[in-house]
Amino acid sequence: MTTQPTTGRGEGTVDRMVKVPPTDPAHVSIADDPAILAQLDALIGKVGGTPGTFKSKLVRDLLVAGLKLLPDGRDTGELKLMSSAVREMRYAYTVFARYAETHKVTIFGSARTPEGHADYNACVDFSRMMAEAGWMIITGAGGGIMHAGHVGPGRQHSFGVAIRLPFETNANKVIAGDEKLIHFRYFFTRKLMFISQAEAVALFPGGFGTMDEAYEALTLVQTGKSSMVPIVLVEGVGGDYWKTWDHWIRTQVLARGWISPEDTGLYFLAANPREAADHILRFYRNYHSSRYVDDSFVIRLHRPLRPQDVARLAEEFAPIIKTGTIEQRGPFTEEDDWPQLPRLSFVHTRSRFGLIRRLIDRINECDPAAEPWMPPGALKS
């Protein structure tokens, strides 16, 4: 590894050294050598993998990427970050996998909200209502709103996703010592778990951290980088935190054209905790989940829709249908999960995800078809 000086512009600048990538690619290419790949396949087989399967290929790709880090010239700090991040994610996924079948809602809000505050009480009520509906609650495991989010459901229905900070290191008394308490070194791995493991997000008033989490959740669903989930804004009696925020979004962000009109439908201002809980539960009235199969957007349903409702949806949401129309069908051959559920599918424009959110609302407003659903079996795309 070599370095070369660069000089900043302007008064008071100094020379600084920056890393130059290695110029010899020979050692990098060795990691792709068939002999090396064969050895990796053998290792994967020894730990229970089946070489040639898609999952095993993904693991092999991960190992190959790791082997390339040394000839890439990555320094100790960079290697430590990547290694620690992968270990954190693996452990967290393992913990959450034990409760994979249970819906979860992530709660964000201020760690400084005192007990007895209207927002604290609202969070206790909301999280208790969600637990009574069979959901589990994920919070950052600290004080304030995070503590309230665990008080409501209790330890059994709570996950703690904690961050190691010099001034905030202790988990709240509800989740401390529980197997569902996970400590993270990095904010980015922690936020990945907050979003990827939840079927809903509830936002309570907070500071910079809460705003960061709110905008990340909204950005991910707005751009289709995460699953579509309900995002509810909740606060205590008499509060105007979210009303003021919503006014600013509409008068400053929407009015300037920085977001699309349908993007304001990505979040819901709840009048009280009961309305917030009902909004989340209604989101899953008929909608189950969704995914892409090639260019087709596939929406899994709990119950089939009437043909006339499918036709109406195709007409209303034509702007996000690239070609063809909305079709009600069974699973694609590429799908191996929930084969018993009916689907709606269409070729998506991969844009205007706020309309996807509205489409889900319309689906949930539809009454199911009178005829029982009979899965037609896997159909080719």
Protein backbone atom coordinates (compact mmCIF):
# COMPACT_ATOMS: atom_id res chain seq x y z
CA MET A 1 0.00 0.00 0.00
CA THR A 2 1.37 3.41 -0.98
CA THR A 3 0.23 6.92 -0.14
CA GLN A 4 0.48 10.25 -1.84
CA PRO A 5 -0.09 13.79 -0.55
CA THR A 6 -3.04 15.91 -1.54
CA THR A 7 -3.35 19.61 -0.82
CA GLY A 8 -6.65 21.16 0.18
CA ARG A 9 -7.70 24.51 -1.21
CA GLY A 10 -7.96 27.73 0.73
CA GLU A 11 -6.08 29.33 3.58
CA GLY A 12 -4.94 27.23 6.49
CA THR A 13 -5.03 23.91 4.60
CA VAL A 14 -2.33 21.30 5.13
CA ASP A 15 -1.12 18.35 3.18
CA ARG A 16 -2.72 15.08 4.13
CA MET A 17 -1.99 11.51 3.09
CA VAL A 18 -4.61 9.44 1.28
CA LYS A 19 -4.53 5.76 0.45
CA VAL A 20 -3.87 4.63 -3.08
CA PRO A 21 -5.44 1.28 -4.08
CA PRO A 22 -2.97 -1.49 -4.96
CA THR A 23 -1.99 -1.49 -8.62
CA ASP A 24 -1.32 -5.24 -8.94
CA PRO A 25 -4.65 -7.11 -9.37
CA ALA A 26 -3.04 -10.54 -9.46
CA HIS A 27 -3.78 -11.48 -5.85
CA VAL A 28 -7.33 -10.15 -6.14
CA SER A 29 -8.08 -12.41 -9.11
CA ILE A 30 -6.75 -15.48 -7.28
CA ALA A 31 -9.88 -15.45 -5.11
CA ASP A 32 -11.94 -16.19 -8.24
CA ASP A 33 -9.72 -19.09 -9.30
CA PRO A 34 -11.74 -22.32 -9.84
CA ALA A 35 -9.45 -24.20 -7.46
CA ILE A 36 -10.13 -21.67 -4.68
CA LEU A 37 -13.86 -21.79 -5.40
CA ALA A 38 -13.80 -25.59 -5.20
CA GLN A 39 -12.13 -25.40 -1.79
CA LEU A 40 -14.76 -22.95 -0.59
CA ASP A 41 -17.54 -25.24 -1.84
CA ALA A 42 -15.96 -28.07 0.13
CA LEU A 43 -15.88 -25.94 3.28
CA ILE A 44 -19.51 -24.99 2.79
CA GLY A 45 -20.41 -28.66 2.46
CA LYS A 46 -18.63 -29.45 5.74
CA VAL A 47 -20.83 -27.01 7.66
CA GLY A 48 -24.06 -28.39 6.23
CA GLY A 49 -24.46 -26.40 3.04
CA THR A 50 -25.28 -27.91 -0.32
CA PRO A 51 -22.86 -26.66 -2.99
CA GLY A 52 -24.65 -25.44 -6.09
CA THR A 53 -27.75 -24.17 -4.30
CA PHE A 54 -28.54 -20.46 -4.33
CA LYS A 55 -27.99 -20.08 -0.58
CA SER A 56 -24.61 -21.79 -0.77
CA LYS A 57 -23.63 -19.57 -3.69
CA LEU A 58 -24.45 -16.48 -1.64
CA VAL A 59 -22.27 -17.74 1.22
CA ARG A 60 -19.47 -18.49 -1.22
CA ASP A 61 -19.76 -14.97 -2.65
CA LEU A 62 -19.44 -13.63 0.90
CA LEU A 63 -16.29 -15.68 1.46
CA VAL A 64 -14.79 -14.61 -1.87
CA ALA A 65 -15.43 -10.96 -1.04
CA GLY A 66 -13.68 -11.49 2.29
CA LEU A 67 -10.65 -13.08 0.64
CA LYS A 68 -10.27 -10.08 -1.66
CA LEU A 69 -10.00 -7.62 1.22
CA LEU A 70 -6.33 -8.35 1.93
CA PRO A 71 -5.02 -7.88 -1.63
CA ASP A 72 -7.33 -4.87 -1.86
CA GLY A 73 -5.14 -3.28 0.77
CA ARG A 74 -7.84 -2.59 3.34
CA ASP A 75 -6.41 -1.38 6.63
CA THR A 76 -7.06 -2.81 10.09
CA GLY A 77 -9.84 -0.37 10.94
CA GLU A 78 -11.76 -1.12 7.75
CA LEU A 79 -11.36 -4.87 8.21
CA LYS A 80 -12.49 -4.60 11.82
CA LEU A 81 -15.60 -2.64 10.84
CA MET A 82 -16.67 -5.12 8.15
CA SER A 83 -15.94 -8.17 10.29
CA SER A 84 -17.78 -6.77 13.31
CA ALA A 85 -20.76 -5.68 11.20
CA VAL A 86 -21.21 -9.16 9.70
CA ARG A 87 -20.96 -10.78 13.13
CA GLU A 88 -23.50 -8.35 14.57
CA MET A 89 -25.97 -9.01 11.77
CA ARG A 90 -25.56 -12.77 11.97
CA TYR A 91 -26.22 -12.82 15.71
CA ALA A 92 -29.19 -10.45 15.48
CA TYR A 93 -30.81 -12.46 12.68
CA THR A 94 -30.37 -15.59 14.78
CA VAL A 95 -32.19 -14.04 17.74
CA PHE A 96 -35.06 -12.67 15.64
CA ALA A 97 -35.42 -15.97 13.75
CA ARG A 98 -36.69 -17.61 16.94
CA TYR A 99 -39.78 -15.40 16.69
CA ALA A 100 -40.11 -15.24 12.91
CA GLU A 101 -43.84 -16.01 12.81
CA THR A 102 -44.84 -13.15 15.12
CA HIS A 103 -45.55 -9.68 13.76
CA LYS A 104 -43.37 -6.93 15.24
CA VAL A 105 -43.63 -3.15 15.46
CA THR A 106 -40.59 -0.92 15.90
CA ILE A 107 -41.05 2.10 18.17
CA PHE A 108 -38.85 5.19 17.85
CA GLY A 109 -38.90 8.20 20.17
CA SER A 110 -36.90 10.26 22.63
CA ALA A 111 -34.79 8.64 25.32
CA ARG A 112 -35.37 11.81 27.39
CA THR A 113 -39.15 11.57 27.70
CA PRO A 114 -39.82 11.34 31.45
CA GLU A 115 -42.12 8.79 33.03
CA GLY A 116 -45.59 10.26 33.46
CA HIS A 117 -45.25 12.52 30.40
CA ALA A 118 -48.23 12.40 28.03
CA ASP A 119 -46.05 10.91 25.27
CA TYR A 120 -44.69 8.26 27.65
CA ASN A 121 -48.20 7.26 28.72
CA ALA A 122 -49.36 7.14 25.11
CA CYS A 123 -46.48 4.81 24.24
CA VAL A 124 -47.28 2.51 27.15
CA ASP A 125 -50.89 2.31 25.97
CA PHE A 126 -49.97 1.78 22.31
CA SER A 127 -47.41 -0.94 22.97
CA ARG A 128 -49.80 -2.75 25.33
CA MET A 129 -52.55 -2.68 22.68
CA MET A 130 -50.19 -4.14 20.07
CA ALA A 131 -49.11 -6.92 22.44
CA GLU A 132 -52.75 -7.73 23.18
CA ALA A 133 -53.22 -8.09 19.41
CA GLY A 134 -50.41 -10.68 19.32
CA TRP A 135 -47.56 -8.43 18.23
CA MET A 136 -44.07 -8.02 19.68
CA ILE A 137 -42.39 -4.64 20.21
CA ILE A 138 -38.86 -3.58 19.19
CA THR A 139 -37.24 -0.54 20.84
CA GLY A 140 -33.72 0.73 21.40
CA ALA A 141 -33.83 -0.72 24.93
CA GLY A 142 -32.99 2.57 26.68
CA GLY A 143 -35.05 5.02 28.70
CA GLY A 144 -37.86 7.39 27.81
CA ILE A 145 -40.06 6.22 24.95
CA MET A 146 -37.95 3.07 24.62
CA HIS A 147 -38.71 2.15 28.21
CA ALA A 148 -42.41 2.95 27.75
CA GLY A 149 -42.47 0.69 24.69
CA HIS A 150 -41.36 -2.20 26.89
CA VAL A 151 -43.49 -1.37 29.92
CA GLY A 152 -46.69 -1.70 27.89
CA PRO A 153 -46.17 -5.24 26.53
CA GLY A 154 -43.83 -6.50 29.23
CA ARG A 155 -40.60 -8.46 28.90
CA GLN A 156 -42.11 -11.47 27.14
CA HIS A 157 -43.28 -9.45 24.15
CA SER A 158 -40.28 -7.08 23.91
CA PHE A 159 -37.08 -6.91 21.87
CA GLY A 160 -34.20 -4.60 22.77
CA VAL A 161 -31.90 -3.33 20.02
CA ALA A 162 -29.30 -1.41 22.02
CA ILE A 163 -26.37 0.74 20.91
CA ARG A 164 -23.11 0.98 22.83
CA LEU A 165 -22.58 4.64 23.68
CA PRO A 166 -20.29 6.16 26.34
CA PHE A 167 -23.19 8.11 27.83
CA GLU A 168 -25.99 5.59 27.29
CA THR A 169 -24.96 2.02 27.97
CA ASN A 170 -27.57 0.48 30.26
CA ALA A 171 -30.67 -1.32 29.04
CA ASN A 172 -33.93 -0.47 30.76
CA LYS A 173 -35.05 -2.68 33.63
CA VAL A 174 -37.77 -4.42 31.57
CA ILE A 175 -35.45 -5.93 28.96
CA ALA A 176 -32.11 -6.06 30.82
CA GLY A 177 -30.70 -9.58 30.84
CA ASP A 178 -33.27 -10.95 28.40
CA GLU A 179 -32.21 -13.18 25.50
CA LYS A 180 -34.03 -10.78 23.16
CA LEU A 181 -31.70 -7.89 24.10
CA ILE A 182 -29.09 -7.37 21.37
CA HIS A 183 -26.16 -4.95 21.71
CA PHE A 184 -24.78 -3.23 18.61
CA ARG A 185 -21.58 -1.32 18.06
CA TYR A 186 -22.71 0.33 14.83
CA PHE A 187 -25.75 2.47 14.20
CA PHE A 188 -26.14 1.19 10.63
CA THR A 189 -26.41 -2.48 11.62
CA ARG A 190 -28.79 -1.55 14.43
CA LYS A 191 -31.03 0.45 12.11
CA LEU A 192 -31.06 -2.43 9.63
CA MET A 193 -32.62 -4.64 12.32
CA PHE A 194 -35.09 -1.96 13.39
CA ILE A 195 -36.51 -1.79 9.86
CA SER A 196 -35.93 -5.25 8.40
CA GLN A 197 -37.48 -7.14 11.32
CA ALA A 198 -40.63 -5.02 11.71
CA GLU A 199 -43.99 -5.11 9.96
CA ALA A 200 -44.83 -1.60 11.21
CA VAL A 201 -43.11 1.52 12.58
CA ALA A 202 -44.49 3.80 15.30
CA LEU A 203 -42.89 7.21 15.79
CA PHE A 204 -43.21 9.22 18.99
CA PRO A 205 -41.78 12.73 19.50
CA GLY A 206 -38.01 12.91 19.83
CA GLY A 207 -34.78 14.63 18.84
CA PHE A 208 -32.19 14.22 16.12
CA GLY A 209 -32.06 10.43 16.49
CA THR A 210 -35.83 10.08 16.16
CA MET A 211 -35.88 12.35 13.11
CA ASP A 212 -33.04 10.36 11.55
CA GLU A 213 -34.95 7.14 12.10
CA ALA A 214 -38.21 8.66 10.85
CA TYR A 215 -36.72 9.95 7.61
CA GLU A 216 -34.82 6.72 6.98
CA ALA A 217 -37.99 4.64 7.39
CA LEU A 218 -39.89 6.98 5.06
CA THR A 219 -37.09 7.09 2.50
CA LEU A 220 -36.76 3.30 2.38
CA VAL A 221 -40.45 2.72 1.69
CA GLN A 222 -40.65 5.73 -0.67
CA THR A 223 -37.87 4.29 -2.83
CA GLY A 224 -38.89 0.65 -2.59
CA LYS A 225 -35.70 -0.32 -0.75
CA SER A 226 -37.67 -1.93 2.07
CA SER A 227 -40.97 -3.70 2.37
CA MET A 228 -44.05 -1.50 2.47
CA VAL A 229 -45.11 -1.14 6.10
CA PRO A 230 -47.48 1.20 7.93
CA ILE A 231 -45.73 4.15 9.59
CA VAL A 232 -47.80 5.81 12.33
CA LEU A 233 -47.07 9.09 14.12
CA VAL A 234 -48.26 9.06 17.73
CA GLU A 235 -48.07 11.39 20.73
CA GLY A 236 -49.78 12.16 24.00
CA VAL A 237 -52.95 14.09 24.71
CA GLY A 238 -52.69 17.76 23.74
CA GLY A 239 -49.45 17.39 21.76
CA ASP A 240 -48.82 19.11 18.42
CA TYR A 241 -45.37 17.73 17.58
CA TRP A 242 -46.46 15.65 14.59
CA LYS A 243 -49.12 18.13 13.45
CA THR A 244 -46.43 20.81 13.26
CA TRP A 245 -44.08 18.43 11.45
CA ASP A 246 -46.79 17.42 8.97
CA HIS A 247 -47.58 21.10 8.30
CA TRP A 248 -43.92 21.73 7.53
CA ILE A 249 -43.73 18.69 5.23
CA ARG A 250 -46.76 19.88 3.27
CA THR A 251 -45.93 23.60 3.09
CA GLN A 252 -42.18 23.34 2.60
CA VAL A 253 -41.33 19.92 1.15
CA LEU A 254 -44.44 18.97 -0.82
CA ALA A 255 -45.17 22.52 -1.97
CA ARG A 256 -41.67 22.79 -3.45
CA GLY A 257 -42.09 19.52 -5.33
CA TRP A 258 -39.44 17.64 -3.37
CA ILE A 259 -41.89 14.77 -2.74
CA SER A 260 -44.91 13.54 -4.69
CA PRO A 261 -48.47 14.18 -3.45
CA GLU A 262 -49.01 10.48 -2.73
CA ASP A 263 -45.91 10.37 -0.51
CA THR A 264 -47.82 11.99 2.34
CA GLY A 265 -49.82 8.76 2.42
CA LEU A 266 -46.72 6.86 3.52
CA TYR A 267 -47.35 8.02 7.09
CA PHE A 268 -50.44 8.34 9.25
CA LEU A 269 -51.10 10.91 11.98
CA ALA A 270 -52.94 9.07 14.72
CA ALA A 271 -55.25 10.98 17.03
CA ASN A 272 -54.49 8.58 19.89
CA PRO A 273 -52.81 5.22 20.60
CA ARG A 274 -55.97 3.25 19.81
CA GLU A 275 -56.21 4.81 16.35
CA ALA A 276 -52.52 4.09 15.73
CA ALA A 277 -52.92 0.42 16.67
CA ASP A 278 -56.09 0.06 14.59
CA HIS A 279 -54.36 1.60 11.56
CA ILE A 280 -51.54 -0.94 11.73
CA LEU A 281 -53.89 -3.89 12.19
CA ARG A 282 -56.11 -2.70 9.31
CA PHE A 283 -53.06 -2.62 7.02
CA TYR A 284 -52.94 -6.43 7.32
CA ARG A 285 -56.71 -6.98 7.00
CA ASN A 286 -56.25 -8.63 3.60
CA TYR A 287 -52.71 -7.64 2.60
CA HIS A 288 -50.18 -10.27 3.67
CA SER A 289 -46.82 -9.41 2.09
CA SER A 290 -45.19 -8.57 -1.21
CA ARG A 291 -42.08 -9.18 -3.30
CA TYR A 292 -40.75 -8.89 -6.83
CA VAL A 293 -40.46 -11.79 -9.23
CA ASP A 294 -38.33 -10.37 -12.03
CA ASP A 295 -40.27 -7.27 -13.10
CA SER A 296 -43.57 -8.37 -11.60
CA PHE A 297 -44.70 -6.94 -8.28
CA VAL A 298 -46.47 -9.70 -6.37
CA ILE A 299 -48.91 -8.95 -3.54
CA ARG A 300 -49.92 -11.90 -1.38
CA LEU A 301 -53.45 -11.78 0.03
CA HIS A 302 -55.16 -13.50 2.93
CA ARG A 303 -58.30 -13.91 0.78
CA PRO A 304 -59.00 -13.59 -2.96
CA LEU A 305 -60.70 -10.52 -4.39
CA ARG A 306 -63.76 -10.38 -6.59
CA PRO A 307 -62.92 -10.07 -10.33
CA GLN A 308 -64.69 -6.71 -10.55
CA ASP A 309 -62.53 -5.33 -7.75
CA VAL A 310 -59.36 -6.52 -9.47
CA ALA A 311 -60.47 -4.75 -12.66
CA ARG A 312 -61.25 -1.57 -10.71
CA LEU A 313 -57.83 -1.59 -9.07
CA ALA A 314 -56.14 -2.06 -12.45
CA GLU A 315 -57.92 1.02 -13.76
CA GLU A 316 -57.26 3.20 -10.71
CA PHE A 317 -53.57 2.30 -10.49
CA ALA A 318 -52.73 2.27 -14.20
CA PRO A 319 -49.95 4.89 -13.65
CA ILE A 320 -47.77 2.30 -11.88
CA ILE A 321 -48.50 -0.58 -14.29
CA LYS A 322 -45.75 -0.68 -16.90
CA THR A 323 -47.38 -3.21 -19.22
CA GLY A 324 -50.49 -5.40 -19.12
CA THR A 325 -52.84 -5.28 -16.17
CA ILE A 326 -53.30 -6.56 -12.62
CA GLU A 327 -53.80 -10.33 -12.53
CA GLN A 328 -55.09 -12.50 -9.69
CA ARG A 329 -53.20 -15.77 -9.64
CA GLY A 330 -51.36 -18.44 -7.67
CA PRO A 331 -47.65 -18.42 -6.83
CA PHE A 332 -44.92 -18.01 -9.41
CA THR A 333 -42.57 -20.93 -9.88
CA GLU A 334 -39.85 -18.81 -8.24
CA GLU A 335 -41.85 -18.52 -5.02
CA ASP A 336 -41.46 -21.16 -2.32
CA ASP A 337 -43.25 -19.43 0.55
CA TRP A 338 -46.97 -19.23 1.32
CA PRO A 339 -48.06 -21.20 -1.75
CA GLN A 340 -51.60 -21.44 -0.36
CA LEU A 341 -52.22 -17.68 -0.62
CA PRO A 342 -53.78 -15.93 -3.63
CA ARG A 343 -51.75 -13.22 -5.34
CA LEU A 344 -52.18 -10.02 -7.28
CA SER A 345 -49.36 -9.35 -9.72
CA PHE A 346 -48.48 -6.72 -12.31
CA VAL A 347 -45.41 -5.40 -14.08
CA HIS A 348 -44.42 -2.42 -11.94
CA THR A 349 -42.86 0.81 -13.15
CA ARG A 350 -40.59 0.68 -10.07
CA SER A 351 -41.59 4.23 -9.24
CA ARG A 352 -44.19 6.15 -7.23
CA PHE A 353 -44.20 3.78 -4.27
CA GLY A 354 -46.66 6.06 -2.53
CA LEU A 355 -49.23 4.66 -4.94
CA ILE A 356 -48.28 1.13 -3.89
CA ARG A 357 -49.17 2.19 -0.36
CA ARG A 358 -52.52 3.50 -1.60
CA LEU A 359 -53.10 0.29 -3.56
CA ILE A 360 -52.69 -1.73 -0.36
CA ASP A 361 -55.26 0.48 1.35
CA ARG A 362 -57.71 -0.15 -1.50
CA ILE A 363 -57.10 -3.89 -1.31
CA ASN A 364 -57.90 -3.83 2.39
CA GLU A 365 -61.14 -1.99 1.68
CA CYS A 366 -62.33 -4.77 -0.64
CA ASP A 367 -64.58 -7.56 0.54
CA PRO A 368 -63.26 -11.05 -0.26
CA ALA A 369 -64.69 -13.09 -3.10
CA ALA A 370 -67.62 -15.32 -2.15
CA GLU A 371 -66.03 -18.40 -3.73
CA PRO A 372 -63.37 -20.23 -1.67
CA TRP A 373 -59.85 -19.83 -2.95
CA MET A 374 -58.39 -22.92 -4.62
CA PRO A 375 -54.67 -22.56 -5.35
CA PRO A 376 -54.15 -23.30 -9.06
CA GLY A 377 -50.58 -24.41 -8.39
CA ALA A 378 -47.36 -22.77 -9.44
CA LEU A 379 -47.67 -20.85 -12.69
CA LYS A 380 -44.85 -19.77 -14.93
CA SER A 381 -44.05 -16.08 -15.14
